[in-house]
mmCIF file of all heavy atoms, coordinates in Angstrom:
data_MODEL
# 
_entry.id   MODEL 
# 
loop_
_atom_site.group_PDB 
_atom_site.id 
_atom_site.type_symbol 
_atom_site.label_atom_id 
_atom_site.label_alt_id 
_atom_site.label_comp_id 
_atom_site.label_asym_id 
_atom_site.label_entity_id 
_atom_site.label_seq_id 
_atom_site.pdbx_PDB_ins_code 
_atom_site.Cartn_x 
_atom_site.Cartn_y 
_atom_site.Cartn_z 
_atom_site.occupancy 
_atom_site.B_iso_or_equiv 
_atom_site.pdbx_formal_charge 
_atom_site.auth_seq_id 
_atom_site.auth_comp_id 
_atom_site.auth_asym_id 
_atom_site.auth_atom_id 
_atom_site.pdbx_PDB_model_num 
ATOM 1   N N   . ILE A 1 1  ? -14.441 -13.132 -3.553 1.00 0.00 ? 1  ILE A N   1 
ATOM 2   C CA  . ILE A 1 1  ? -13.732 -12.366 -4.586 1.00 0.00 ? 1  ILE A CA  1 
ATOM 3   C C   . ILE A 1 1  ? -13.316 -11.000 -4.029 1.00 0.00 ? 1  ILE A C   1 
ATOM 4   O O   . ILE A 1 1  ? -12.170 -10.577 -4.196 1.00 0.00 ? 1  ILE A O   1 
ATOM 5   C CB  . ILE A 1 1  ? -14.604 -12.172 -5.848 1.00 0.00 ? 1  ILE A CB  1 
ATOM 6   C CG1 . ILE A 1 1  ? -14.817 -13.499 -6.573 1.00 0.00 ? 1  ILE A CG1 1 
ATOM 7   C CG2 . ILE A 1 1  ? -13.968 -11.152 -6.795 1.00 0.00 ? 1  ILE A CG2 1 
ATOM 8   C CD1 . ILE A 1 1  ? -15.847 -13.424 -7.684 1.00 0.00 ? 1  ILE A CD1 1 
ATOM 9   N N   . MET A 1 2  ? -14.256 -10.322 -3.366 1.00 0.00 ? 2  MET A N   1 
ATOM 10  C CA  . MET A 1 2  ? -13.936 -8.999  -2.819 1.00 0.00 ? 2  MET A CA  1 
ATOM 11  C C   . MET A 1 2  ? -12.817 -9.083  -1.788 1.00 0.00 ? 2  MET A C   1 
ATOM 12  O O   . MET A 1 2  ? -11.900 -8.256  -1.788 1.00 0.00 ? 2  MET A O   1 
ATOM 13  C CB  . MET A 1 2  ? -15.176 -8.337  -2.219 1.00 0.00 ? 2  MET A CB  1 
ATOM 14  C CG  . MET A 1 2  ? -16.166 -7.872  -3.256 1.00 0.00 ? 2  MET A CG  1 
ATOM 15  S SD  . MET A 1 2  ? -17.449 -6.778  -2.648 1.00 0.00 ? 2  MET A SD  1 
ATOM 16  C CE  . MET A 1 2  ? -18.195 -7.731  -1.365 1.00 0.00 ? 2  MET A CE  1 
ATOM 17  N N   . TYR A 1 3  ? -12.898 -10.069 -0.905 1.00 0.00 ? 3  TYR A N   1 
ATOM 18  C CA  . TYR A 1 3  ? -11.852 -10.218 0.109  1.00 0.00 ? 3  TYR A CA  1 
ATOM 19  C C   . TYR A 1 3  ? -10.491 -10.451 -0.552 1.00 0.00 ? 3  TYR A C   1 
ATOM 20  O O   . TYR A 1 3  ? -9.515  -9.774  -0.235 1.00 0.00 ? 3  TYR A O   1 
ATOM 21  C CB  . TYR A 1 3  ? -12.182 -11.365 1.068  1.00 0.00 ? 3  TYR A CB  1 
ATOM 22  C CG  . TYR A 1 3  ? -11.004 -11.766 1.908  1.00 0.00 ? 3  TYR A CG  1 
ATOM 23  C CD1 . TYR A 1 3  ? -10.552 -10.939 2.932  1.00 0.00 ? 3  TYR A CD1 1 
ATOM 24  C CD2 . TYR A 1 3  ? -10.308 -12.929 1.653  1.00 0.00 ? 3  TYR A CD2 1 
ATOM 25  C CE1 . TYR A 1 3  ? -9.447  -11.281 3.689  1.00 0.00 ? 3  TYR A CE1 1 
ATOM 26  C CE2 . TYR A 1 3  ? -9.200  -13.271 2.394  1.00 0.00 ? 3  TYR A CE2 1 
ATOM 27  C CZ  . TYR A 1 3  ? -8.768  -12.446 3.417  1.00 0.00 ? 3  TYR A CZ  1 
ATOM 28  O OH  . TYR A 1 3  ? -7.676  -12.784 4.146  1.00 0.00 ? 3  TYR A OH  1 
ATOM 29  N N   . HIS A 1 4  ? -10.432 -11.390 -1.488 1.00 0.00 ? 4  HIS A N   1 
ATOM 30  C CA  . HIS A 1 4  ? -9.155  -11.703 -2.134 1.00 0.00 ? 4  HIS A CA  1 
ATOM 31  C C   . HIS A 1 4  ? -8.625  -10.524 -2.952 1.00 0.00 ? 4  HIS A C   1 
ATOM 32  O O   . HIS A 1 4  ? -7.420  -10.246 -2.934 1.00 0.00 ? 4  HIS A O   1 
ATOM 33  C CB  . HIS A 1 4  ? -9.278  -12.959 -2.994 1.00 0.00 ? 4  HIS A CB  1 
ATOM 34  C CG  . HIS A 1 4  ? -9.425  -14.204 -2.183 1.00 0.00 ? 4  HIS A CG  1 
ATOM 35  N ND1 . HIS A 1 4  ? -8.419  -14.728 -1.420 1.00 0.00 ? 4  HIS A ND1 1 
ATOM 36  C CD2 . HIS A 1 4  ? -10.484 -15.020 -1.996 1.00 0.00 ? 4  HIS A CD2 1 
ATOM 37  C CE1 . HIS A 1 4  ? -8.836  -15.817 -0.802 1.00 0.00 ? 4  HIS A CE1 1 
ATOM 38  N NE2 . HIS A 1 4  ? -10.090 -16.017 -1.130 1.00 0.00 ? 4  HIS A NE2 1 
ATOM 39  N N   . ASP A 1 5  ? -9.509  -9.813  -3.647 1.00 0.00 ? 5  ASP A N   1 
ATOM 40  C CA  . ASP A 1 5  ? -9.067  -8.645  -4.415 1.00 0.00 ? 5  ASP A CA  1 
ATOM 41  C C   . ASP A 1 5  ? -8.569  -7.539  -3.490 1.00 0.00 ? 5  ASP A C   1 
ATOM 42  O O   . ASP A 1 5  ? -7.586  -6.858  -3.795 1.00 0.00 ? 5  ASP A O   1 
ATOM 43  C CB  . ASP A 1 5  ? -10.194 -8.115  -5.304 1.00 0.00 ? 5  ASP A CB  1 
ATOM 44  C CG  . ASP A 1 5  ? -10.439 -8.994  -6.521 1.00 0.00 ? 5  ASP A CG  1 
ATOM 45  O OD1 . ASP A 1 5  ? -9.690  -9.971  -6.735 1.00 0.00 ? 5  ASP A OD1 1 
ATOM 46  O OD2 . ASP A 1 5  ? -11.414 -8.709  -7.264 1.00 0.00 ? 5  ASP A OD2 1 
ATOM 47  N N   . ALA A 1 6  ? -9.240  -7.348  -2.354 1.00 0.00 ? 6  ALA A N   1 
ATOM 48  C CA  . ALA A 1 6  ? -8.813  -6.322  -1.405 1.00 0.00 ? 6  ALA A CA  1 
ATOM 49  C C   . ALA A 1 6  ? -7.445  -6.670  -0.824 1.00 0.00 ? 6  ALA A C   1 
ATOM 50  O O   . ALA A 1 6  ? -6.570  -5.810  -0.712 1.00 0.00 ? 6  ALA A O   1 
ATOM 51  C CB  . ALA A 1 6  ? -9.843  -6.159  -0.288 1.00 0.00 ? 6  ALA A CB  1 
ATOM 52  N N   . VAL A 1 7  ? -7.243  -7.928  -0.468 1.00 0.00 ? 7  VAL A N   1 
ATOM 53  C CA  . VAL A 1 7  ? -5.945  -8.347  0.059  1.00 0.00 ? 7  VAL A CA  1 
ATOM 54  C C   . VAL A 1 7  ? -4.860  -8.161  -0.996 1.00 0.00 ? 7  VAL A C   1 
ATOM 55  O O   . VAL A 1 7  ? -3.767  -7.682  -0.692 1.00 0.00 ? 7  VAL A O   1 
ATOM 56  C CB  . VAL A 1 7  ? -5.999  -9.807  0.571  1.00 0.00 ? 7  VAL A CB  1 
ATOM 57  C CG1 . VAL A 1 7  ? -4.606  -10.344 0.856  1.00 0.00 ? 7  VAL A CG1 1 
ATOM 58  C CG2 . VAL A 1 7  ? -6.863  -9.890  1.820  1.00 0.00 ? 7  VAL A CG2 1 
ATOM 59  N N   . SER A 1 8  ? -5.150  -8.512  -2.233 1.00 0.00 ? 8  SER A N   1 
ATOM 60  C CA  . SER A 1 8  ? -4.179  -8.319  -3.309 1.00 0.00 ? 8  SER A CA  1 
ATOM 61  C C   . SER A 1 8  ? -3.815  -6.843  -3.447 1.00 0.00 ? 8  SER A C   1 
ATOM 62  O O   . SER A 1 8  ? -2.642  -6.493  -3.622 1.00 0.00 ? 8  SER A O   1 
ATOM 63  C CB  . SER A 1 8  ? -4.733  -8.833  -4.640 1.00 0.00 ? 8  SER A CB  1 
ATOM 64  O OG  . SER A 1 8  ? -4.892  -10.221 -4.597 1.00 0.00 ? 8  SER A OG  1 
ATOM 65  N N   . HIS A 1 9  ? -4.803  -5.990  -3.343 1.00 0.00 ? 9  HIS A N   1 
ATOM 66  C CA  . HIS A 1 9  ? -4.552  -4.547  -3.435 1.00 0.00 ? 9  HIS A CA  1 
ATOM 67  C C   . HIS A 1 9  ? -3.691  -4.075  -2.266 1.00 0.00 ? 9  HIS A C   1 
ATOM 68  O O   . HIS A 1 9  ? -2.770  -3.282  -2.450 1.00 0.00 ? 9  HIS A O   1 
ATOM 69  C CB  . HIS A 1 9  ? -5.867  -3.769  -3.483 1.00 0.00 ? 9  HIS A CB  1 
ATOM 70  C CG  . HIS A 1 9  ? -5.671  -2.294  -3.512 1.00 0.00 ? 9  HIS A CG  1 
ATOM 71  N ND1 . HIS A 1 9  ? -5.218  -1.636  -4.631 1.00 0.00 ? 9  HIS A ND1 1 
ATOM 72  C CD2 . HIS A 1 9  ? -5.840  -1.345  -2.557 1.00 0.00 ? 9  HIS A CD2 1 
ATOM 73  C CE1 . HIS A 1 9  ? -5.118  -0.345  -4.364 1.00 0.00 ? 9  HIS A CE1 1 
ATOM 74  N NE2 . HIS A 1 9  ? -5.487  -0.148  -3.117 1.00 0.00 ? 9  HIS A NE2 1 
ATOM 75  N N   . TRP A 1 10 ? -4.004  -4.544  -1.048 1.00 0.00 ? 10 TRP A N   1 
ATOM 76  C CA  . TRP A 1 10 ? -3.204  -4.150  0.116  1.00 0.00 ? 10 TRP A CA  1 
ATOM 77  C C   . TRP A 1 10 ? -1.753  -4.591  -0.046 1.00 0.00 ? 10 TRP A C   1 
ATOM 78  O O   . TRP A 1 10 ? -0.829  -3.850  0.272  1.00 0.00 ? 10 TRP A O   1 
ATOM 79  C CB  . TRP A 1 10 ? -3.764  -4.751  1.401  1.00 0.00 ? 10 TRP A CB  1 
ATOM 80  C CG  . TRP A 1 10 ? -5.113  -4.247  1.786  1.00 0.00 ? 10 TRP A CG  1 
ATOM 81  C CD1 . TRP A 1 10 ? -5.624  -2.992  1.584  1.00 0.00 ? 10 TRP A CD1 1 
ATOM 82  C CD2 . TRP A 1 10 ? -6.144  -4.986  2.443  1.00 0.00 ? 10 TRP A CD2 1 
ATOM 83  N NE1 . TRP A 1 10 ? -6.904  -2.917  2.066  1.00 0.00 ? 10 TRP A NE1 1 
ATOM 84  C CE2 . TRP A 1 10 ? -7.244  -4.128  2.604  1.00 0.00 ? 10 TRP A CE2 1 
ATOM 85  C CE3 . TRP A 1 10 ? -6.235  -6.290  2.906  1.00 0.00 ? 10 TRP A CE3 1 
ATOM 86  C CZ2 . TRP A 1 10 ? -8.414  -4.525  3.209  1.00 0.00 ? 10 TRP A CZ2 1 
ATOM 87  C CZ3 . TRP A 1 10 ? -7.411  -6.683  3.515  1.00 0.00 ? 10 TRP A CZ3 1 
ATOM 88  C CH2 . TRP A 1 10 ? -8.479  -5.812  3.659  1.00 0.00 ? 10 TRP A CH2 1 
ATOM 89  N N   . ARG A 1 11 ? -1.559  -5.810  -0.540 1.00 0.00 ? 11 ARG A N   1 
ATOM 90  C CA  . ARG A 1 11 ? -0.196  -6.308  -0.737 1.00 0.00 ? 11 ARG A CA  1 
ATOM 91  C C   . ARG A 1 11 ? 0.526   -5.487  -1.791 1.00 0.00 ? 11 ARG A C   1 
ATOM 92  O O   . ARG A 1 11 ? 1.703   -5.158  -1.641 1.00 0.00 ? 11 ARG A O   1 
ATOM 93  C CB  . ARG A 1 11 ? -0.225  -7.775  -1.141 1.00 0.00 ? 11 ARG A CB  1 
ATOM 94  C CG  . ARG A 1 11 ? -0.585  -8.678  0.005  1.00 0.00 ? 11 ARG A CG  1 
ATOM 95  C CD  . ARG A 1 11 ? -0.622  -10.117 -0.434 1.00 0.00 ? 11 ARG A CD  1 
ATOM 96  N NE  . ARG A 1 11 ? -0.990  -10.963 0.695  1.00 0.00 ? 11 ARG A NE  1 
ATOM 97  C CZ  . ARG A 1 11 ? -1.599  -12.118 0.588  1.00 0.00 ? 11 ARG A CZ  1 
ATOM 98  N NH1 . ARG A 1 11 ? -1.903  -12.594 -0.610 1.00 0.00 ? 11 ARG A NH1 1 
ATOM 99  N NH2 . ARG A 1 11 ? -1.887  -12.822 1.662  1.00 0.00 ? 11 ARG A NH2 1 
ATOM 100 N N   . TRP A 1 12 ? -0.158  -5.162  -2.872 1.00 0.00 ? 12 TRP A N   1 
ATOM 101 C CA  . TRP A 1 12 ? 0.452   -4.348  -3.914 1.00 0.00 ? 12 TRP A CA  1 
ATOM 102 C C   . TRP A 1 12 ? 0.835   -2.979  -3.355 1.00 0.00 ? 12 TRP A C   1 
ATOM 103 O O   . TRP A 1 12 ? 1.928   -2.489  -3.593 1.00 0.00 ? 12 TRP A O   1 
ATOM 104 C CB  . TRP A 1 12 ? -0.509  -4.185  -5.092 1.00 0.00 ? 12 TRP A CB  1 
ATOM 105 C CG  . TRP A 1 12 ? 0.089   -3.372  -6.203 1.00 0.00 ? 12 TRP A CG  1 
ATOM 106 C CD1 . TRP A 1 12 ? 0.847   -3.821  -7.233 1.00 0.00 ? 12 TRP A CD1 1 
ATOM 107 C CD2 . TRP A 1 12 ? -0.010  -1.957  -6.373 1.00 0.00 ? 12 TRP A CD2 1 
ATOM 108 N NE1 . TRP A 1 12 ? 1.225   -2.786  -8.030 1.00 0.00 ? 12 TRP A NE1 1 
ATOM 109 C CE2 . TRP A 1 12 ? 0.712   -1.614  -7.527 1.00 0.00 ? 12 TRP A CE2 1 
ATOM 110 C CE3 . TRP A 1 12 ? -0.633  -0.935  -5.658 1.00 0.00 ? 12 TRP A CE3 1 
ATOM 111 C CZ2 . TRP A 1 12 ? 0.824   -0.307  -7.975 1.00 0.00 ? 12 TRP A CZ2 1 
ATOM 112 C CZ3 . TRP A 1 12 ? -0.526  0.362   -6.104 1.00 0.00 ? 12 TRP A CZ3 1 
ATOM 113 C CH2 . TRP A 1 12 ? 0.202   0.662   -7.258 1.00 0.00 ? 12 TRP A CH2 1 
ATOM 114 N N   . ARG A 1 13 ? -0.093  -2.369  -2.602 1.00 0.00 ? 13 ARG A N   1 
ATOM 115 C CA  . ARG A 1 13 ? 0.166   -1.050  -2.030 1.00 0.00 ? 13 ARG A CA  1 
ATOM 116 C C   . ARG A 1 13 ? 1.346   -1.082  -1.065 1.00 0.00 ? 13 ARG A C   1 
ATOM 117 O O   . ARG A 1 13 ? 2.133   -0.146  -1.009 1.00 0.00 ? 13 ARG A O   1 
ATOM 118 C CB  . ARG A 1 13 ? -1.080  -0.546  -1.299 1.00 0.00 ? 13 ARG A CB  1 
ATOM 119 C CG  . ARG A 1 13 ? -1.477  0.837   -1.720 1.00 0.00 ? 13 ARG A CG  1 
ATOM 120 C CD  . ARG A 1 13 ? -2.712  1.327   -1.050 1.00 0.00 ? 13 ARG A CD  1 
ATOM 121 N NE  . ARG A 1 13 ? -2.555  1.384   0.386  1.00 0.00 ? 13 ARG A NE  1 
ATOM 122 C CZ  . ARG A 1 13 ? -3.538  1.265   1.241  1.00 0.00 ? 13 ARG A CZ  1 
ATOM 123 N NH1 . ARG A 1 13 ? -4.750  1.089   0.819  1.00 0.00 ? 13 ARG A NH1 1 
ATOM 124 N NH2 . ARG A 1 13 ? -3.328  1.332   2.528  1.00 0.00 ? 13 ARG A NH2 1 
ATOM 125 N N   . ARG A 1 14 ? 1.448   -2.170  -0.300 1.00 0.00 ? 14 ARG A N   1 
ATOM 126 C CA  . ARG A 1 14 ? 2.539   -2.296  0.661  1.00 0.00 ? 14 ARG A CA  1 
ATOM 127 C C   . ARG A 1 14 ? 3.890   -2.318  -0.069 1.00 0.00 ? 14 ARG A C   1 
ATOM 128 O O   . ARG A 1 14 ? 4.866   -1.755  0.402  1.00 0.00 ? 14 ARG A O   1 
ATOM 129 C CB  . ARG A 1 14 ? 2.355   -3.555  1.488  1.00 0.00 ? 14 ARG A CB  1 
ATOM 130 C CG  . ARG A 1 14 ? 3.470   -3.789  2.475  1.00 0.00 ? 14 ARG A CG  1 
ATOM 131 C CD  . ARG A 1 14 ? 3.199   -5.012  3.294  1.00 0.00 ? 14 ARG A CD  1 
ATOM 132 N NE  . ARG A 1 14 ? 2.650   -4.554  4.549  1.00 0.00 ? 14 ARG A NE  1 
ATOM 133 C CZ  . ARG A 1 14 ? 2.013   -5.308  5.399  1.00 0.00 ? 14 ARG A CZ  1 
ATOM 134 N NH1 . ARG A 1 14 ? 1.811   -6.576  5.128  1.00 0.00 ? 14 ARG A NH1 1 
ATOM 135 N NH2 . ARG A 1 14 ? 1.558   -4.826  6.525  1.00 0.00 ? 14 ARG A NH2 1 
ATOM 136 N N   . ARG A 1 15 ? 3.938   -2.972  -1.224 1.00 0.00 ? 15 ARG A N   1 
ATOM 137 C CA  . ARG A 1 15 ? 5.183   -3.047  -1.982 1.00 0.00 ? 15 ARG A CA  1 
ATOM 138 C C   . ARG A 1 15 ? 5.488   -1.743  -2.724 1.00 0.00 ? 15 ARG A C   1 
ATOM 139 O O   . ARG A 1 15 ? 6.619   -1.498  -3.098 1.00 0.00 ? 15 ARG A O   1 
ATOM 140 C CB  . ARG A 1 15 ? 5.108   -4.185  -3.003 1.00 0.00 ? 15 ARG A CB  1 
ATOM 141 C CG  . ARG A 1 15 ? 5.253   -5.546  -2.399 1.00 0.00 ? 15 ARG A CG  1 
ATOM 142 C CD  . ARG A 1 15 ? 5.432   -6.606  -3.478 1.00 0.00 ? 15 ARG A CD  1 
ATOM 143 N NE  . ARG A 1 15 ? 4.425   -6.583  -4.515 1.00 0.00 ? 15 ARG A NE  1 
ATOM 144 C CZ  . ARG A 1 15 ? 3.361   -7.375  -4.556 1.00 0.00 ? 15 ARG A CZ  1 
ATOM 145 N NH1 . ARG A 1 15 ? 3.160   -8.251  -3.601 1.00 0.00 ? 15 ARG A NH1 1 
ATOM 146 N NH2 . ARG A 1 15 ? 2.502   -7.287  -5.544 1.00 0.00 ? 15 ARG A NH2 1 
ATOM 147 N N   . HIS A 1 16 ? 4.490   -0.931  -2.992 1.00 0.00 ? 16 HIS A N   1 
ATOM 148 C CA  . HIS A 1 16 ? 4.668   0.271   -3.801 1.00 0.00 ? 16 HIS A CA  1 
ATOM 149 C C   . HIS A 1 16 ? 4.345   1.531   -3.002 1.00 0.00 ? 16 HIS A C   1 
ATOM 150 O O   . HIS A 1 16 ? 3.656   2.421   -3.490 1.00 0.00 ? 16 HIS A O   1 
ATOM 151 C CB  . HIS A 1 16 ? 3.770   0.200   -5.049 1.00 0.00 ? 16 HIS A CB  1 
ATOM 152 C CG  . HIS A 1 16 ? 4.122   -0.932  -5.939 1.00 0.00 ? 16 HIS A CG  1 
ATOM 153 N ND1 . HIS A 1 16 ? 3.559   -2.181  -5.811 1.00 0.00 ? 16 HIS A ND1 1 
ATOM 154 C CD2 . HIS A 1 16 ? 5.002   -1.028  -6.963 1.00 0.00 ? 16 HIS A CD2 1 
ATOM 155 C CE1 . HIS A 1 16 ? 4.056   -2.988  -6.721 1.00 0.00 ? 16 HIS A CE1 1 
ATOM 156 N NE2 . HIS A 1 16 ? 4.932   -2.316  -7.435 1.00 0.00 ? 16 HIS A NE2 1 
ATOM 157 N N   . ARG A 1 17 ? 4.850   1.594   -1.814 1.00 0.00 ? 17 ARG A N   1 
ATOM 158 C CA  . ARG A 1 17 ? 4.604   2.775   -0.975 1.00 0.00 ? 17 ARG A CA  1 
ATOM 159 C C   . ARG A 1 17 ? 5.484   3.938   -1.397 1.00 0.00 ? 17 ARG A C   1 
ATOM 160 O O   . ARG A 1 17 ? 6.561   3.755   -1.958 1.00 0.00 ? 17 ARG A O   1 
ATOM 161 C CB  . ARG A 1 17 ? 4.889   2.452   0.488  1.00 0.00 ? 17 ARG A CB  1 
ATOM 162 C CG  . ARG A 1 17 ? 3.855   1.569   1.071  1.00 0.00 ? 17 ARG A CG  1 
ATOM 163 C CD  . ARG A 1 17 ? 3.989   1.525   2.539  1.00 0.00 ? 17 ARG A CD  1 
ATOM 164 N NE  . ARG A 1 17 ? 2.865   0.719   3.034  1.00 0.00 ? 17 ARG A NE  1 
ATOM 165 C CZ  . ARG A 1 17 ? 2.607   0.535   4.283  1.00 0.00 ? 17 ARG A CZ  1 
ATOM 166 N NH1 . ARG A 1 17 ? 3.356   1.076   5.194  1.00 0.00 ? 17 ARG A NH1 1 
ATOM 167 N NH2 . ARG A 1 17 ? 1.587   -0.187  4.649  1.00 0.00 ? 17 ARG A NH2 1 
ATOM 168 N N   . GLU A 1 18 ? 5.011   5.126   -1.045 1.00 0.00 ? 18 GLU A N   1 
ATOM 169 C CA  . GLU A 1 18 ? 5.823   6.299   -1.298 1.00 0.00 ? 18 GLU A CA  1 
ATOM 170 C C   . GLU A 1 18 ? 6.968   6.335   -0.296 1.00 0.00 ? 18 GLU A C   1 
ATOM 171 O O   . GLU A 1 18 ? 6.877   5.773   0.791  1.00 0.00 ? 18 GLU A O   1 
ATOM 172 C CB  . GLU A 1 18 ? 4.967   7.562   -1.147 1.00 0.00 ? 18 GLU A CB  1 
ATOM 173 C CG  . GLU A 1 18 ? 3.875   7.663   -2.184 1.00 0.00 ? 18 GLU A CG  1 
ATOM 174 C CD  . GLU A 1 18 ? 3.027   8.918   -2.022 1.00 0.00 ? 18 GLU A CD  1 
ATOM 175 O OE1 . GLU A 1 18 ? 3.483   9.849   -1.330 1.00 0.00 ? 18 GLU A OE1 1 
ATOM 176 O OE2 . GLU A 1 18 ? 1.942   8.947   -2.585 1.00 0.00 ? 18 GLU A OE2 1 
ATOM 177 N N   . THR A 1 19 ? 8.030   7.031   -0.654 1.00 0.00 ? 19 THR A N   1 
ATOM 178 C CA  . THR A 1 19 ? 9.170   7.119   0.247  1.00 0.00 ? 19 THR A CA  1 
ATOM 179 C C   . THR A 1 19 ? 8.932   8.209   1.281  1.00 0.00 ? 19 THR A C   1 
ATOM 180 O O   . THR A 1 19 ? 8.226   9.189   1.030  1.00 0.00 ? 19 THR A O   1 
ATOM 181 C CB  . THR A 1 19 ? 10.460  7.409   -0.532 1.00 0.00 ? 19 THR A CB  1 
ATOM 182 O OG1 . THR A 1 19 ? 10.267  8.609   -1.288 1.00 0.00 ? 19 THR A OG1 1 
ATOM 183 C CG2 . THR A 1 19 ? 10.798  6.262   -1.464 1.00 0.00 ? 19 THR A CG2 1 
ATOM 184 N N   . SER A 1 20 ? 9.556   8.038   2.430  1.00 0.00 ? 20 SER A N   1 
ATOM 185 C CA  . SER A 1 20 ? 9.405   9.000   3.519  1.00 0.00 ? 20 SER A CA  1 
ATOM 186 C C   . SER A 1 20 ? 10.167  10.276  3.218  1.00 0.00 ? 20 SER A C   1 
ATOM 187 O O   . SER A 1 20 ? 11.170  10.275  2.499  1.00 0.00 ? 20 SER A O   1 
ATOM 188 C CB  . SER A 1 20 ? 9.920   8.400   4.829  1.00 0.00 ? 20 SER A CB  1 
ATOM 189 O OG  . SER A 1 20 ? 9.212   7.251   5.143  1.00 0.00 ? 20 SER A OG  1 
ATOM 190 N N   . THR A 1 21 ? 9.711   11.363  3.824  1.00 0.00 ? 21 THR A N   1 
ATOM 191 C CA  . THR A 1 21 ? 10.403  12.639  3.704  1.00 0.00 ? 21 THR A CA  1 
ATOM 192 C C   . THR A 1 21 ? 11.055  12.956  5.038  1.00 0.00 ? 21 THR A C   1 
ATOM 193 O O   . THR A 1 21 ? 10.746  12.342  6.062  1.00 0.00 ? 21 THR A O   1 
ATOM 194 C CB  . THR A 1 21 ? 9.426   13.769  3.334  1.00 0.00 ? 21 THR A CB  1 
ATOM 195 O OG1 . THR A 1 21 ? 8.438   13.873  4.352  1.00 0.00 ? 21 THR A OG1 1 
ATOM 196 C CG2 . THR A 1 21 ? 8.770   13.503  1.995  1.00 0.00 ? 21 THR A CG2 1 
ATOM 197 N N   . ALA A 1 22 ? 11.941  13.929  5.045  1.00 0.00 ? 22 ALA A N   1 
ATOM 198 C CA  . ALA A 1 22 ? 12.649  14.287  6.278  1.00 0.00 ? 22 ALA A CA  1 
ATOM 199 C C   . ALA A 1 22 ? 11.685  14.828  7.328  1.00 0.00 ? 22 ALA A C   1 
ATOM 200 O O   . ALA A 1 22 ? 11.794  14.516  8.504  1.00 0.00 ? 22 ALA A O   1 
ATOM 201 C CB  . ALA A 1 22 ? 13.735  15.312  5.975  1.00 0.00 ? 22 ALA A CB  1 
ATOM 202 N N   . ALA A 1 23 ? 10.739  15.639  6.890  1.00 0.00 ? 23 ALA A N   1 
ATOM 203 C CA  . ALA A 1 23 ? 9.777   16.221  7.842  1.00 0.00 ? 23 ALA A CA  1 
ATOM 204 C C   . ALA A 1 23 ? 8.374   15.794  7.433  1.00 0.00 ? 23 ALA A C   1 
ATOM 205 O O   . ALA A 1 23 ? 8.024   15.839  6.256  1.00 0.00 ? 23 ALA A O   1 
ATOM 206 C CB  . ALA A 1 23 ? 9.881   17.742  7.827  1.00 0.00 ? 23 ALA A CB  1 
ATOM 207 N N   . PRO A 1 24 ? 7.569   15.358  8.400  1.00 0.00 ? 24 PRO A N   1 
ATOM 208 C CA  . PRO A 1 24 ? 6.202   14.967  8.042  1.00 0.00 ? 24 PRO A CA  1 
ATOM 209 C C   . PRO A 1 24 ? 5.392   16.181  7.589  1.00 0.00 ? 24 PRO A C   1 
ATOM 210 O O   . PRO A 1 24 ? 5.645   17.304  8.023  1.00 0.00 ? 24 PRO A O   1 
ATOM 211 C CB  . PRO A 1 24 ? 5.642   14.387  9.336  1.00 0.00 ? 24 PRO A CB  1 
ATOM 212 C CG  . PRO A 1 24 ? 6.484   14.958  10.420 1.00 0.00 ? 24 PRO A CG  1 
ATOM 213 C CD  . PRO A 1 24 ? 7.824   15.229  9.826  1.00 0.00 ? 24 PRO A CD  1 
ATOM 214 N N   . PRO A 1 25 ? 4.416   15.962  6.721  1.00 0.00 ? 25 PRO A N   1 
ATOM 215 C CA  . PRO A 1 25 ? 3.590   17.086  6.263  1.00 0.00 ? 25 PRO A CA  1 
ATOM 216 C C   . PRO A 1 25 ? 2.713   17.594  7.404  1.00 0.00 ? 25 PRO A C   1 
ATOM 217 O O   . PRO A 1 25 ? 2.403   16.869  8.350  1.00 0.00 ? 25 PRO A O   1 
ATOM 218 C CB  . PRO A 1 25 ? 2.734   16.478  5.158  1.00 0.00 ? 25 PRO A CB  1 
ATOM 219 C CG  . PRO A 1 25 ? 2.737   15.021  5.435  1.00 0.00 ? 25 PRO A CG  1 
ATOM 220 C CD  . PRO A 1 25 ? 4.026   14.704  6.127  1.00 0.00 ? 25 PRO A CD  1 
# 
């Protein structure tokens, strides 16, 4: 369960990433 939930979270995060900025912080 933990493995599958973690993978689901990683996939969700990959699809909902923040956009890049011109200069890195």
